[in-house]
Amino acid sequence: MSNKNKITIQHGALVCDESKLRGEITIGANSIIHPSAVIYAESGPIIIGDHCIIEEKAKIIHRVPFDRADKTTTPALIIGSNNVFEVDCTVEACQIGDNNVFEPKCFVGSKVTISDGCVIGAGCSVTEEEIIPKNTVIYGGNHMRREAFDKPAVQHGQMETLKKVLPGYHRLKKPTEPPPQ
């Protein structure tokens, strides 16, 4: 991949200038990228859906697994809508659905596909090649699993607060996409 950055910011997204963005990245409408968040599109584009929150020191990295046979083409890392990446999580998943929560200090490897409505608990890691089923919660020191009764709540209140507070304390990157008509 070339060293050229191509950052596309949809209308309504708040992206702090202090965030670290590298590669071809599209940030969906009304998503919020905190200062010191890291998003690196090393192996191909990253497309982040609408209404996602990526907190401080959260890392989203798109890279090809070392043992992958076909390294010539890499699909985009598509991240669905309403996902929350909490402080200091590291996510390298090959695909992420909608309405997931990645809690602090969790790690998701590059061979993992995350479905919809999943929670990867604080300090938990998922590294083996697998598809995490819908509404799975991974928690505890032994990385136990269970099915959630409900999907994680959408963070409307947190998003509204951040939209009011962040512009007062941080410089923001300007949207590159015009508002919808």
Protein backbone atom coordinates (compact mmCIF):
# COMPACT_ATOMS: atom_id res chain seq x y z
CA MET A 1 0.00 0.00 0.00
CA SER A 2 1.24 3.47 -0.77
CA ASN A 3 1.95 6.04 1.91
CA LYS A 4 -0.85 8.26 0.61
CA ASN A 5 -3.75 8.86 2.97
CA LYS A 6 -7.27 9.17 1.61
CA ILE A 7 -9.62 10.09 4.44
CA THR A 8 -13.32 10.54 3.65
CA ILE A 9 -15.46 12.02 6.42
CA GLN A 10 -19.23 11.88 5.97
CA HIS A 11 -21.37 14.84 7.00
CA GLY A 12 -22.14 14.94 10.72
CA ALA A 13 -19.09 12.93 11.81
CA LEU A 14 -16.78 14.41 14.44
CA VAL A 15 -13.14 13.48 13.92
CA CYS A 16 -10.60 15.01 16.30
CA ASP A 17 -7.46 16.37 14.66
CA GLU A 18 -5.31 14.51 17.21
CA SER A 19 -6.55 11.10 16.01
CA LYS A 20 -4.09 9.02 13.98
CA LEU A 21 -5.54 8.05 10.61
CA ARG A 22 -3.44 6.30 7.97
CA GLY A 23 -4.42 4.80 4.62
CA GLU A 24 -7.77 4.80 2.83
CA ILE A 25 -10.46 5.36 5.47
CA THR A 26 -14.15 6.29 5.17
CA ILE A 27 -15.87 7.51 8.32
CA GLY A 28 -19.66 7.25 8.35
CA ALA A 29 -22.18 9.97 9.17
CA ASN A 30 -22.48 10.94 12.83
CA SER A 31 -19.55 8.76 13.91
CA ILE A 32 -17.19 10.14 16.56
CA ILE A 33 -13.42 9.62 16.57
CA HIS A 34 -11.77 10.73 19.83
CA PRO A 35 -8.30 12.27 20.10
CA SER A 36 -5.49 9.67 20.14
CA ALA A 37 -7.68 7.01 18.50
CA VAL A 38 -5.67 5.02 15.93
CA ILE A 39 -7.10 3.80 12.62
CA TYR A 40 -4.57 2.27 10.22
CA ALA A 41 -5.62 0.85 6.87
CA GLU A 42 -2.39 -1.06 6.17
CA SER A 43 -3.68 -3.79 3.83
CA GLY A 44 -6.74 -2.19 2.26
CA PRO A 45 -9.47 0.34 2.89
CA ILE A 46 -11.43 0.65 6.13
CA ILE A 47 -15.09 1.68 5.87
CA ILE A 48 -16.63 2.72 9.19
CA GLY A 49 -20.43 2.81 9.36
CA ASP A 50 -22.70 5.50 10.79
CA HIS A 51 -23.04 6.34 14.49
CA CYS A 52 -19.84 4.59 15.65
CA ILE A 53 -17.79 5.79 18.63
CA ILE A 54 -14.03 5.20 18.65
CA GLU A 55 -12.61 6.30 22.00
CA GLU A 56 -9.12 7.38 23.13
CA LYS A 57 -6.30 4.95 22.42
CA ALA A 58 -8.65 2.54 20.65
CA LYS A 59 -6.83 0.91 17.74
CA ILE A 60 -8.45 -0.37 14.56
CA ILE A 61 -5.89 -1.90 12.22
CA HIS A 62 -6.59 -3.60 8.90
CA ARG A 63 -3.80 -5.99 8.04
CA VAL A 64 -3.49 -9.27 6.19
CA PRO A 65 -2.79 -12.31 8.38
CA PHE A 66 0.80 -13.50 7.83
CA ASP A 67 -0.22 -17.01 6.81
CA ARG A 68 -2.82 -15.94 4.26
CA ALA A 69 -2.14 -17.62 0.90
CA ASP A 70 -3.51 -14.91 -1.42
CA LYS A 71 -1.81 -11.66 -0.45
CA THR A 72 -2.44 -9.96 -3.80
CA THR A 73 -5.96 -8.72 -3.08
CA THR A 74 -7.32 -7.69 0.28
CA PRO A 75 -10.98 -6.85 0.73
CA ALA A 76 -11.98 -3.72 2.60
CA LEU A 77 -12.52 -3.95 6.34
CA ILE A 78 -16.19 -3.03 6.63
CA ILE A 79 -17.35 -1.94 10.06
CA GLY A 80 -21.12 -1.68 10.48
CA SER A 81 -23.12 1.00 12.27
CA ASN A 82 -23.61 1.74 15.98
CA ASN A 83 -20.35 0.11 17.13
CA VAL A 84 -18.45 1.30 20.20
CA PHE A 85 -14.67 0.85 20.49
CA GLU A 86 -13.80 1.69 24.09
CA VAL A 87 -10.53 3.00 25.53
CA ASP A 88 -7.37 1.07 24.62
CA CYS A 89 -9.04 -1.81 22.76
CA THR A 90 -7.22 -3.28 19.74
CA VAL A 91 -9.36 -4.58 16.89
CA GLU A 92 -7.90 -6.16 13.74
CA ALA A 93 -11.02 -8.16 12.75
CA CYS A 94 -11.60 -8.93 9.08
CA GLN A 95 -15.28 -7.85 9.26
CA ILE A 96 -17.49 -6.26 11.91
CA GLY A 97 -21.29 -6.15 11.86
CA ASP A 98 -23.63 -3.68 13.60
CA ASN A 99 -24.21 -2.75 17.22
CA ASN A 100 -21.11 -4.30 18.83
CA VAL A 101 -19.13 -3.17 21.88
CA PHE A 102 -15.38 -3.66 22.25
CA GLU A 103 -14.57 -2.99 25.90
CA PRO A 104 -11.28 -1.57 27.25
CA LYS A 105 -8.09 -3.54 26.62
CA CYS A 106 -9.79 -6.27 24.59
CA PHE A 107 -8.01 -7.72 21.55
CA VAL A 108 -9.60 -9.09 18.37
CA GLY A 109 -7.25 -10.77 15.87
CA SER A 110 -7.19 -10.38 12.10
CA LYS A 111 -8.84 -13.73 11.32
CA VAL A 112 -11.98 -13.02 13.36
CA THR A 113 -15.36 -11.97 11.97
CA ILE A 114 -17.68 -10.24 14.43
CA SER A 115 -21.44 -10.59 13.73
CA ASP A 116 -24.09 -8.22 15.14
CA GLY A 117 -24.83 -7.35 18.76
CA CYS A 118 -21.65 -8.82 20.27
CA VAL A 119 -19.71 -7.66 23.32
CA ILE A 120 -16.01 -8.42 23.66
CA GLY A 121 -15.39 -7.88 27.37
CA ALA A 122 -12.67 -5.89 29.06
CA GLY A 123 -9.29 -7.59 28.75
CA CYS A 124 -10.66 -10.49 26.68
CA SER A 125 -9.00 -11.65 23.49
CA VAL A 126 -10.19 -13.56 20.43
CA THR A 127 -7.38 -14.64 18.12
CA GLU A 128 -8.35 -17.91 16.43
CA GLU A 129 -10.02 -17.87 13.01
CA GLU A 130 -13.77 -17.88 13.66
CA ILE A 131 -17.07 -16.12 13.12
CA ILE A 132 -18.47 -14.87 16.41
CA PRO A 133 -22.25 -15.57 16.32
CA LYS A 134 -24.84 -12.82 16.79
CA ASN A 135 -25.42 -11.54 20.33
CA THR A 136 -22.36 -13.31 21.79
CA VAL A 137 -20.83 -11.91 24.97
CA ILE A 138 -17.21 -12.83 25.72
CA TYR A 139 -16.31 -12.04 29.31
CA GLY A 140 -14.12 -12.83 32.29
CA GLY A 141 -10.56 -13.98 32.82
CA ASN A 142 -11.22 -17.29 31.06
CA HIS A 143 -12.90 -15.59 28.07
CA MET A 144 -16.17 -17.40 28.72
CA ARG A 145 -19.06 -17.03 26.27
CA ARG A 146 -22.79 -16.73 26.50
CA GLU A 147 -25.64 -15.49 24.34
CA ALA A 148 -27.10 -12.12 25.30
CA PHE A 149 -30.85 -11.74 25.61
CA ASP A 150 -30.74 -8.28 24.04
CA LYS A 151 -28.40 -6.40 21.75
CA PRO A 152 -26.16 -3.79 23.41
CA ALA A 153 -27.91 -0.45 23.84
CA VAL A 154 -27.19 2.20 21.21
CA GLN A 155 -25.19 5.03 22.79
CA HIS A 156 -27.48 7.96 21.84
CA GLY A 157 -26.95 9.85 25.10
CA GLN A 158 -23.17 9.51 24.96
CA MET A 159 -23.13 10.61 21.32
CA GLU A 160 -25.20 13.72 22.03
CA THR A 161 -22.92 14.67 24.92
CA LEU A 162 -19.78 14.15 22.84
CA LYS A 163 -21.19 16.25 19.98
CA LYS A 164 -21.63 19.13 22.42
CA VAL A 165 -18.36 18.76 24.35
CA LEU A 166 -15.67 17.69 21.84
CA PRO A 167 -15.85 20.79 19.59
CA GLY A 168 -15.20 23.01 22.64
CA TYR A 169 -11.97 21.24 23.56
CA HIS A 170 -10.52 19.80 20.34
CA ARG A 171 -9.90 20.86 16.78
CA LEU A 172 -11.91 18.76 14.36
CA LYS A 173 -11.22 17.58 10.83
CA LYS A 174 -13.73 18.99 8.34
CA PRO A 175 -16.19 16.62 6.64
CA THR A 176 -15.22 15.85 3.06
CA GLU A 177 -18.72 14.79 2.01
CA PRO A 178 -21.55 17.32 1.64
CA PRO A 179 -24.74 16.90 3.68
CA PRO A 180 -27.44 14.74 2.11
CA GLN A 181 -30.08 16.67 0.23
